[in-house]
PDB file of N, CA and C in Angstrom:
ATOM      1  N   MET A   1     102.837 104.634 125.981  1.00  0.00           N
ATOM      2  CA  MET A   1     103.944 104.755 125.043  1.00  0.00           C
ATOM      3  C   MET A   1     104.797 105.941 125.460  1.00  0.00           C
ATOM      4  N   THR A   2     106.114 105.723 125.444  1.00  0.00           N
ATOM      5  CA  THR A   2     107.018 106.801 125.834  1.00  0.00           C
ATOM      6  C   THR A   2     107.639 107.448 124.602  1.00  0.00           C
ATOM      7  N   GLU A   3     108.316 108.546 124.838  1.00  0.00           N
ATOM      8  CA  GLU A   3     108.962 109.299 123.764  1.00  0.00           C
ATOM      9  C   GLU A   3     110.049 108.503 123.042  1.00  0.00           C
ATOM     10  N   LEU A   4     110.639 107.537 123.711  1.00  0.00           N
ATOM     11  CA  LEU A   4     111.734 106.781 123.091  1.00  0.00           C
ATOM     12  C   LEU A   4     111.313 106.186 121.755  1.00  0.00           C
ATOM     13  N   TYR A   5     110.089 105.681 121.666  1.00  0.00           N
ATOM     14  CA  TYR A   5     109.607 105.064 120.423  1.00  0.00           C
ATOM     15  C   TYR A   5     109.762 106.028 119.246  1.00  0.00           C
ATOM     16  N   TYR A   6     109.546 107.303 119.505  1.00  0.00           N
ATOM     17  CA  TYR A   6     109.590 108.321 118.453  1.00  0.00           C
ATOM     18  C   TYR A   6     110.935 109.035 118.350  1.00  0.00           C
ATOM     19  N   THR A   7     111.891 108.593 119.138  1.00  0.00           N
ATOM     20  CA  THR A   7     113.206 109.215 119.137  1.00  0.00           C
ATOM     21  C   THR A   7     114.108 108.497 118.136  1.00  0.00           C
ATOM     22  N   PRO A   8     114.662 109.226 117.181  1.00  0.00           N
ATOM     23  CA  PRO A   8     115.545 108.583 116.202  1.00  0.00           C
ATOM     24  C   PRO A   8     116.791 107.999 116.875  1.00  0.00           C
ATOM     25  N   PRO A   9     117.266 106.866 116.362  1.00  0.00           N
ATOM     26  CA  PRO A   9     118.513 106.295 116.864  1.00  0.00           C
ATOM     27  C   PRO A   9     119.696 107.041 116.258  1.00  0.00           C
ATOM     28  N   THR A  10     120.894 106.512 116.467  1.00  0.00           N
ATOM     29  CA  THR A  10     122.056 107.104 115.796  1.00  0.00           C
ATOM     30  C   THR A  10     121.913 106.901 114.294  1.00  0.00           C
ATOM     31  N   GLU A  11     122.591 107.718 113.546  1.00  0.00           N
ATOM     32  CA  GLU A  11     122.561 107.596 112.084  1.00  0.00           C
ATOM     33  C   GLU A  11     123.096 106.223 111.655  1.00  0.00           C
ATOM     34  N   LYS A  12     124.127 105.760 112.343  1.00  0.00           N
ATOM     35  CA  LYS A  12     124.713 104.462 112.031  1.00  0.00           C
ATOM     36  C   LYS A  12     123.697 103.333 112.234  1.00  0.00           C
ATOM     37  N   GLN A  13     122.958 103.370 113.336  1.00  0.00           N
ATOM     38  CA  GLN A  13     121.952 102.344 113.604  1.00  0.00           C
ATOM     39  C   GLN A  13     120.814 102.410 112.581  1.00  0.00           C
ATOM     40  N   PHE A  14     120.390 103.616 112.267  1.00  0.00           N
ATOM     41  CA  PHE A  14     119.326 103.792 111.281  1.00  0.00           C
ATOM     42  C   PHE A  14     119.729 103.209 109.936  1.00  0.00           C
ATOM     43  N   ASN A  15     120.912 103.556 109.490  1.00  0.00           N
ATOM     44  CA  ASN A  15     121.376 103.079 108.186  1.00  0.00           C
ATOM     45  C   ASN A  15     121.584 101.572 108.172  1.00  0.00           C
ATOM     46  N   GLU A  16     122.055 101.022 109.275  1.00  0.00           N
ATOM     47  CA  GLU A  16     122.227  99.571 109.367  1.00  0.00           C
ATOM     48  C   GLU A  16     120.877  98.869 109.216  1.00  0.00           C
ATOM     49  N   LEU A  17     119.891  99.335 109.959  1.00  0.00           N
ATOM     50  CA  LEU A  17     118.579  98.706 109.883  1.00  0.00           C
ATOM     51  C   LEU A  17     117.991  98.852 108.483  1.00  0.00           C
ATOM     52  N   LYS A  18     118.144 100.020 107.895  1.00  0.00           N
ATOM     53  CA  LYS A  18     117.616 100.250 106.549  1.00  0.00           C
ATOM     54  C   LYS A  18     118.260  99.294 105.542  1.00  0.00           C
ATOM     55  N   GLU A  19     119.567  99.160 105.582  1.00  0.00           N
ATOM     56  CA  GLU A  19     120.273  98.273 104.655  1.00  0.00           C
ATOM     57  C   GLU A  19     119.807  96.831 104.802  1.00  0.00           C
ATOM     58  N   ILE A  20     119.677  96.370 106.022  1.00  0.00           N
ATOM     59  CA  ILE A  20     119.287  94.982 106.254  1.00  0.00           C
ATOM     60  C   ILE A  20     117.821  94.772 105.891  1.00  0.00           C
ATOM     61  N   ALA A  21     116.971  95.743 106.169  1.00  0.00           N
ATOM     62  CA  ALA A  21     115.562  95.634 105.781  1.00  0.00           C
ATOM     63  C   ALA A  21     115.445  95.509 104.266  1.00  0.00           C
ATOM     64  N   ILE A  22     116.186  96.318 103.549  1.00  0.00           N
ATOM     65  CA  ILE A  22     116.173  96.239 102.081  1.00  0.00           C
ATOM     66  C   ILE A  22     116.703  94.880 101.628  1.00  0.00           C
ATOM     67  N   GLU A  23     117.748  94.420 102.259  1.00  0.00           N
ATOM     68  CA  GLU A  23     118.320  93.109 101.934  1.00  0.00           C
ATOM     69  C   GLU A  23     117.271  92.004 102.098  1.00  0.00           C
ATOM     70  N   ILE A  24     116.494  92.064 103.159  1.00  0.00           N
ATOM     71  CA  ILE A  24     115.433  91.060 103.368  1.00  0.00           C
ATOM     72  C   ILE A  24     114.356  91.196 102.306  1.00  0.00           C
ATOM     73  N   TRP A  25     113.918  92.413 102.025  1.00  0.00           N
ATOM     74  CA  TRP A  25     112.880  92.591 101.004  1.00  0.00           C
ATOM     75  C   TRP A  25     113.358  92.107  99.636  1.00  0.00           C
ATOM     76  N   GLU A  26     114.643  92.225  99.363  1.00  0.00           N
ATOM     77  CA  GLU A  26     115.183  91.768  98.073  1.00  0.00           C
ATOM     78  C   GLU A  26     115.136  90.252  97.918  1.00  0.00           C
ATOM     79  N   THR A  27     114.904  89.515  98.990  1.00  0.00           N
ATOM     80  CA  THR A  27     114.797  88.056  98.906  1.00  0.00           C
ATOM     81  C   THR A  27     113.390  87.617  98.492  1.00  0.00           C
ATOM     82  N   TYR A  28     112.456  88.544  98.464  1.00  0.00           N
ATOM     83  CA  TYR A  28     111.073  88.224  98.119  1.00  0.00           C
ATOM     84  C   TYR A  28     110.878  88.156  96.604  1.00  0.00           C
ATOM     85  N   ASP A  29     109.955  87.314  96.189  1.00  0.00           N
ATOM     86  CA  ASP A  29     109.552  87.241  94.790  1.00  0.00           C
ATOM     87  C   ASP A  29     108.917  88.590  94.433  1.00  0.00           C
ATOM     88  N   ASP A  30     109.383  89.195  93.384  1.00  0.00           N
ATOM     89  CA  ASP A  30     108.906  90.525  93.006  1.00  0.00           C
ATOM     90  C   ASP A  30     108.009  90.474  91.772  1.00  0.00           C
ATOM     91  N   LYS A  31     107.411  89.324  91.533  1.00  0.00           N
ATOM     92  CA  LYS A  31     106.581  89.135  90.338  1.00  0.00           C
ATOM     93  C   LYS A  31     105.514  90.224  90.189  1.00  0.00           C
ATOM     94  N   HIS A  32     104.916  90.605  91.272  1.00  0.00           N
ATOM     95  CA  HIS A  32     103.857  91.622  91.220  1.00  0.00           C
ATOM     96  C   HIS A  32     104.307  92.961  91.806  1.00  0.00           C
ATOM     97  N   GLY A  33     105.609  93.130  91.977  1.00  0.00           N
ATOM     98  CA  GLY A  33     106.149  94.398  92.447  1.00  0.00           C
ATOM     99  C   GLY A  33     106.058  94.625  93.951  1.00  0.00           C
ATOM    100  N   TYR A  34     105.698  93.575  94.706  1.00  0.00           N
ATOM    101  CA  TYR A  34     105.522  93.720  96.147  1.00  0.00           C
ATOM    102  C   TYR A  34     106.815  94.149  96.829  1.00  0.00           C
ATOM    103  N   ALA A  35     107.913  93.456  96.527  1.00  0.00           N
ATOM    104  CA  ALA A  35     109.196  93.781  97.161  1.00  0.00           C
ATOM    105  C   ALA A  35     109.666  95.173  96.756  1.00  0.00           C
ATOM    106  N   THR A  36     109.535  95.492  95.489  1.00  0.00           N
ATOM    107  CA  THR A  36     109.928  96.812  95.003  1.00  0.00           C
ATOM    108  C   THR A  36     109.133  97.905  95.704  1.00  0.00           C
ATOM    109  N   GLU A  37     107.856  97.666  95.921  1.00  0.00           N
ATOM    110  CA  GLU A  37     107.014  98.640  96.620  1.00  0.00           C
ATOM    111  C   GLU A  37     107.532  98.874  98.041  1.00  0.00           C
ATOM    112  N   LYS A  38     107.870  97.797  98.744  1.00  0.00           N
ATOM    113  CA  LYS A  38     108.365  97.921 100.119  1.00  0.00           C
ATOM    114  C   LYS A  38     109.720  98.628 100.147  1.00  0.00           C
ATOM    115  N   ILE A  39     110.596  98.256  99.239  1.00  0.00           N
ATOM    116  CA  ILE A  39     111.922  98.888  99.165  1.00  0.00           C
ATOM    117  C   ILE A  39     111.780 100.384  98.877  1.00  0.00           C
ATOM    118  N   ASN A  40     110.897 100.723  97.962  1.00  0.00           N
ATOM    119  CA  ASN A  40     110.684 102.131  97.622  1.00  0.00           C
ATOM    120  C   ASN A  40     110.130 102.930  98.795  1.00  0.00           C
ATOM    121  N   GLN A  41     109.382 102.265  99.674  1.00  0.00           N
ATOM    122  CA  GLN A  41     108.838 102.950 100.841  1.00  0.00           C
ATOM    123  C   GLN A  41     109.927 103.321 101.843  1.00  0.00           C
ATOM    124  N   ILE A  42     111.022 102.553 101.849  1.00  0.00           N
ATOM    125  CA  ILE A  42     112.040 102.828 102.869  1.00  0.00           C
ATOM    126  C   ILE A  42     113.354 103.402 102.344  1.00  0.00           C
ATOM    127  N   LYS A  43     113.638 103.255 101.075  1.00  0.00           N
ATOM    128  CA  LYS A  43     114.971 103.634 100.574  1.00  0.00           C
ATOM    129  C   LYS A  43     115.313 105.105 100.769  1.00  0.00           C
ATOM    130  N   ASP A  44     114.317 105.974 100.763  1.00  0.00           N
ATOM    131  CA  ASP A  44     114.575 107.405 100.914  1.00  0.00           C
ATOM    132  C   ASP A  44     114.170 107.943 102.289  1.00  0.00           C
ATOM    133  N   LEU A  45     113.840 107.042 103.222  1.00  0.00           N
ATOM    134  CA  LEU A  45     113.468 107.493 104.563  1.00  0.00           C
ATOM    135  C   LEU A  45     114.633 108.205 105.242  1.00  0.00           C
ATOM    136  N   LYS A  46     114.303 109.223 105.957  1.00  0.00           N
ATOM    137  CA  LYS A  46     115.281 109.968 106.759  1.00  0.00           C
ATOM    138  C   LYS A  46     115.174 109.521 108.209  1.00  0.00           C
ATOM    139  N   ASN A  47     116.222 109.740 108.955  1.00  0.00           N
ATOM    140  CA  ASN A  47     116.287 109.345 110.356  1.00  0.00           C
ATOM    141  C   ASN A  47     115.592 110.392 111.223  1.00  0.00           C
ATOM    142  N   VAL A  48     114.275 110.414 111.133  1.00  0.00           N
ATOM    143  CA  VAL A  48     113.466 111.330 111.918  1.00  0.00           C
ATOM    144  C   VAL A  48     112.308 110.569 112.559  1.00  0.00           C
ATOM    145  N   SER A  49     111.836 111.092 113.660  1.00  0.00           N
ATOM    146  CA  SER A  49     110.672 110.567 114.370  1.00  0.00           C
ATOM    147  C   SER A  49     110.751 109.047 114.503  1.00  0.00           C
ATOM    148  N   ASP A  50     109.680 108.354 114.122  1.00  0.00           N
ATOM    149  CA  ASP A  50     109.633 106.897 114.297  1.00  0.00           C
ATOM    150  C   ASP A  50     109.934 106.130 113.009  1.00  0.00           C
ATOM    151  N   ASN A  51     110.634 106.727 112.060  1.00  0.00           N
ATOM    152  CA  ASN A  51     110.956 106.019 110.816  1.00  0.00           C
ATOM    153  C   ASN A  51     111.755 104.743 111.066  1.00  0.00           C
ATOM    154  N   PHE A  52     112.579 104.746 112.092  1.00  0.00           N
ATOM    155  CA  PHE A  52     113.346 103.558 112.481  1.00  0.00           C
ATOM    156  C   PHE A  52     112.381 102.408 112.777  1.00  0.00           C
ATOM    157  N   MET A  53     111.383 102.699 113.581  1.00  0.00           N
ATOM    158  CA  MET A  53     110.422 101.665 113.965  1.00  0.00           C
ATOM    159  C   MET A  53     109.428 101.362 112.849  1.00  0.00           C
ATOM    160  N   TYR A  54     109.183 102.314 111.984  1.00  0.00           N
ATOM    161  CA  TYR A  54     108.329 102.095 110.815  1.00  0.00           C
ATOM    162  C   TYR A  54     108.887 100.953 109.975  1.00  0.00           C
ATOM    163  N   MET A  55     110.207 100.946 109.785  1.00  0.00           N
ATOM    164  CA  MET A  55     110.827  99.886 108.990  1.00  0.00           C
ATOM    165  C   MET A  55     110.668  98.525 109.663  1.00  0.00           C
ATOM    166  N   VAL A  56     110.782  98.498 110.979  1.00  0.00           N
ATOM    167  CA  VAL A  56     110.605  97.247 111.726  1.00  0.00           C
ATOM    168  C   VAL A  56     109.166  96.766 111.586  1.00  0.00           C
ATOM    169  N   ALA A  57     108.218  97.690 111.723  1.00  0.00           N
ATOM    170  CA  ALA A  57     106.797  97.345 111.701  1.00  0.00           C
ATOM    171  C   ALA A  57     106.322  96.836 110.340  1.00  0.00           C
ATOM    172  N   MET A  58     107.099  97.062 109.306  1.00  0.00           N
ATOM    173  CA  MET A  58     106.727  96.569 107.982  1.00  0.00           C
ATOM    174  C   MET A  58     106.802  95.042 107.897  1.00  0.00           C
ATOM    175  N   PHE A  59     107.505  94.428 108.824  1.00  0.00           N
ATOM    176  CA  PHE A  59     107.703  92.981 108.804  1.00  0.00           C
ATOM    177  C   PHE A  59     106.771  92.271 109.774  1.00  0.00           C
ATOM    178  N   ASP A  60     106.353  91.058 109.395  1.00  0.00           N
ATOM    179  CA  ASP A  60     105.628  90.212 110.338  1.00  0.00           C
ATOM    180  C   ASP A  60     106.633  89.678 111.360  1.00  0.00           C
ATOM    181  N   ILE A  61     106.154  88.993 112.367  1.00  0.00           N
ATOM    182  CA  ILE A  61     107.032  88.580 113.461  1.00  0.00           C
ATOM    183  C   ILE A  61     108.136  87.615 112.993  1.00  0.00           C
ATOM    184  N   SER A  62     107.854  86.774 112.013  1.00  0.00           N
ATOM    185  CA  SER A  62     108.884  85.859 111.498  1.00  0.00           C
ATOM    186  C   SER A  62     110.032  86.629 110.857  1.00  0.00           C
ATOM    187  N   ASN A  63     109.690  87.612 110.061  1.00  0.00           N
ATOM    188  CA  ASN A  63     110.723  88.416 109.415  1.00  0.00           C
ATOM    189  C   ASN A  63     111.387  89.389 110.377  1.00  0.00           C
ATOM    190  N   GLN A  64     110.673  89.787 111.426  1.00  0.00           N
ATOM    191  CA  GLN A  64     111.332  90.571 112.469  1.00  0.00           C
ATOM    192  C   GLN A  64     112.402  89.710 113.136  1.00  0.00           C
ATOM    193  N   GLY A  65     112.128  88.422 113.287  1.00  0.00           N
ATOM    194  CA  GLY A  65     113.132  87.500 113.823  1.00  0.00           C
ATOM    195  C   GLY A  65     114.355  87.429 112.929  1.00  0.00           C
ATOM    196  N   ARG A  66     114.139  87.343 111.627  1.00  0.00           N
ATOM    197  CA  ARG A  66     115.256  87.356 110.667  1.00  0.00           C
ATOM    198  C   ARG A  66     116.058  88.644 110.801  1.00  0.00           C
ATOM    199  N   LEU A  67     115.336  89.748 110.859  1.00  0.00           N
ATOM    200  CA  LEU A  67     115.965  91.057 110.976  1.00  0.00           C
ATOM    201  C   LEU A  67     116.796  91.138 112.253  1.00  0.00           C
ATOM    202  N   SER A  68     116.234  90.673 113.349  1.00  0.00           N
ATOM    203  CA  SER A  68     116.914  90.811 114.644  1.00  0.00           C
ATOM    204  C   SER A  68     118.253  90.099 114.677  1.00  0.00           C
ATOM    205  N   ILE A  69     118.343  88.924 114.074  1.00  0.00           N
ATOM    206  CA  ILE A  69     119.613  88.181 114.128  1.00  0.00           C
ATOM    207  C   ILE A  69     120.652  88.740 113.166  1.00  0.00           C
ATOM    208  N   MET A  70     120.225  89.602 112.260  1.00  0.00           N
ATOM    209  CA  MET A  70     121.155  90.197 111.303  1.00  0.00           C
ATOM    210  C   MET A  70     121.720  91.531 111.794  1.00  0.00           C
ATOM    211  N   LEU A  71     121.115  92.086 112.824  1.00  0.00           N
ATOM    212  CA  LEU A  71     121.530  93.395 113.334  1.00  0.00           C
ATOM    213  C   LEU A  71     122.677  93.276 114.331  1.00  0.00           C
ATOM    214  N   SER A  72     123.455  94.327 114.431  1.00  0.00           N
ATOM    215  CA  SER A  72     124.479  94.396 115.467  1.00  0.00           C
ATOM    216  C   SER A  72     123.800  94.445 116.835  1.00  0.00           C
ATOM    217  N   HIS A  73     124.569  94.169 117.864  1.00  0.00           N
ATOM    218  CA  HIS A  73     124.043  94.165 119.223  1.00  0.00           C
ATOM    219  C   HIS A  73     123.414  95.514 119.580  1.00  0.00           C
ATOM    220  N   LYS A  74     124.108  96.602 119.278  1.00  0.00           N
ATOM    221  CA  LYS A  74     123.623  97.937 119.649  1.00  0.00           C
ATOM    222  C   LYS A  74     122.328  98.311 118.918  1.00  0.00           C
ATOM    223  N   THR A  75     122.264  97.984 117.640  1.00  0.00           N
ATOM    224  CA  THR A  75     121.060  98.320 116.873  1.00  0.00           C
ATOM    225  C   THR A  75     119.896  97.457 117.317  1.00  0.00           C
ATOM    226  N   ARG A  76     120.163  96.196 117.554  1.00  0.00           N
ATOM    227  CA  ARG A  76     119.114  95.295 118.037  1.00  0.00           C
ATOM    228  C   ARG A  76     118.568  95.785 119.387  1.00  0.00           C
ATOM    229  N   LYS A  77     119.468  96.221 120.261  1.00  0.00           N
ATOM    230  CA  LYS A  77     119.067  96.736 121.576  1.00  0.00           C
ATOM    231  C   LYS A  77     118.235  98.012 121.416  1.00  0.00           C
ATOM    232  N   ALA A  78     118.589  98.847 120.444  1.00  0.00           N
ATOM    233  CA  ALA A  78     117.831 100.071 120.198  1.00  0.00           C
ATOM    234  C   ALA A  78     116.395  99.745 119.779  1.00  0.00           C
ATOM    235  N   VAL A  79     116.235  98.711 118.954  1.00  0.00           N
ATOM    236  CA  VAL A  79     114.891  98.289 118.550  1.00  0.00           C
ATOM    237  C   VAL A  79     114.159  97.695 119.749  1.00  0.00           C
ATOM    238  N   GLU A  80     114.835  96.811 120.476  1.00  0.00           N
ATOM    239  CA  GLU A  80     114.234  96.185 121.657  1.00  0.00           C
ATOM    240  C   GLU A  80     113.665  97.239 122.608  1.00  0.00           C
ATOM    241  N   ASN A  81     114.472  98.226 122.926  1.00  0.00           N
ATOM    242  CA  ASN A  81     114.054  99.266 123.872  1.00  0.00           C
ATOM    243  C   ASN A  81     112.880 100.087 123.354  1.00  0.00           C
ATOM    244  N   ARG A  82     112.864 100.362 122.073  1.00  0.00           N
ATOM    245  CA  ARG A  82     111.769 101.142 121.496  1.00  0.00           C
ATOM    246  C   ARG A  82     110.478 100.329 121.458  1.00  0.00           C
ATOM    247  N   LEU A  83     110.577  99.037 121.170  1.00  0.00           N
ATOM    248  CA  LEU A  83     109.380  98.198 121.207  1.00  0.00           C
ATOM    249  C   LEU A  83     108.807  98.143 122.617  1.00  0.00           C
ATOM    250  N   LYS A  84     109.683  98.004 123.606  1.00  0.00           N
ATOM    251  CA  LYS A  84     109.222  98.009 124.996  1.00  0.00           C
ATOM    252  C   LYS A  84     108.555  99.338 125.330  1.00  0.00           C
ATOM    253  N   ALA A  85     109.176 100.437 124.918  1.00  0.00           N
ATOM    254  CA  ALA A  85     108.621 101.765 125.175  1.00  0.00           C
ATOM    255  C   ALA A  85     107.274 101.951 124.485  1.00  0.00           C
ATOM    256  N   GLY A  86     107.102 101.265 123.368  1.00  0.00           N
ATOM    257  CA  GLY A  86     105.845 101.350 122.628  1.00  0.00           C
ATOM    258  C   GLY A  86     104.767 100.436 123.157  1.00  0.00           C
ATOM    259  N   GLY A  87     105.115  99.621 124.156  1.00  0.00           N
ATOM    260  CA  GLY A  87     104.115  98.770 124.783  1.00  0.00           C
ATOM    261  C   GLY A  87     104.052  97.347 124.265  1.00  0.00           C
ATOM    262  N   THR A  88     104.995  96.956 123.425  1.00  0.00           N
ATOM    263  CA  THR A  88     105.002  95.587 122.920  1.00  0.00           C
ATOM    264  C   THR A  88     105.346  94.627 124.053  1.00  0.00           C
ATOM    265  N   PRO A  89     104.499  93.612 124.283  1.00  0.00           N
ATOM    266  CA  PRO A  89     104.814  92.621 125.321  1.00  0.00           C
ATOM    267  C   PRO A  89     106.081  91.845 124.951  1.00  0.00           C
ATOM    268  N   ASP A  90     106.849  91.445 125.952  1.00  0.00           N
ATOM    269  CA  ASP A  90     108.087  90.704 125.710  1.00  0.00           C
ATOM    270  C   ASP A  90     107.859  89.470 124.841  1.00  0.00           C
ATOM    271  N   THR A  91     106.699  88.859 124.954  1.00  0.00           N
ATOM    272  CA  THR A  91     106.378  87.659 124.170  1.00  0.00           C
ATOM    273  C   THR A  91     106.501  87.925 122.678  1.00  0.00           C
ATOM    274  N   TYR A  92     106.201  89.139 122.257  1.00  0.00           N
ATOM    275  CA  TYR A  92     106.224  89.493 120.825  1.00  0.00           C
ATOM    276  C   TYR A  92     107.441  90.330 120.436  1.00  0.00           C
ATOM    277  N   ASN A  93     108.351  90.508 121.347  1.00  0.00           N
ATOM    278  CA  ASN A  93     109.542  91.311 121.080  1.00  0.00           C
ATOM    279  C   ASN A  93     110.711  90.379 120.784  1.00  0.00           C
ATOM    280  N   VAL A  94     110.900  90.073 119.510  1.00  0.00           N
ATOM    281  CA  VAL A  94     111.953  89.128 119.098  1.00  0.00           C
ATOM    282  C   VAL A  94     113.343  89.772 119.105  1.00  0.00           C
ATOM    283  N   PHE A  95     113.406  91.028 119.481  1.00  0.00           N
ATOM    284  CA  PHE A  95     114.681  91.744 119.521  1.00  0.00           C
ATOM    285  C   PHE A  95     115.341  91.702 120.907  1.00  0.00           C
ATOM    286  N   ILE A  96     114.674  91.090 121.863  1.00  0.00           N
ATOM    287  CA  ILE A  96     115.208  91.031 123.224  1.00  0.00           C
ATOM    288  C   ILE A  96     116.523  90.272 123.233  1.00  0.00           C
ATOM    289  N   ILE A  97     117.498  90.882 123.878  1.00  0.00           N
ATOM    290  CA  ILE A  97     118.816  90.266 124.028  1.00  0.00           C
ATOM    291  C   ILE A  97     118.926  89.806 125.465  1.00  0.00           C
ATOM    292  N   ASP A  98     119.183  88.531 125.642  1.00  0.00           N
ATOM    293  CA  ASP A  98     119.298  87.974 127.002  1.00  0.00           C
ATOM    294  C   ASP A  98     120.567  88.403 127.674  1.00  0.00           C
TER     295      ASP A  98
END
């Protein structure tokens, strides 16, 4: 694993990912507070260390796919590069841009 995984992205990229992650969590049934719990975990996160990737890791691969298509090219590339730096095989990196 390289330092890139733990390197914060730009503030703009961080905020974009945070907004879209919250948007996805808001689509979940909140009957038992599951979505609210996830939203509360990220709404006050600061752009430090690996918090950017923490938000990505909260999703299973299907929802990471949803997230990836909602992100701008630059933010998606930032996630792609950090996953690669973290050792994620390309097979499981749904953020790869061809």
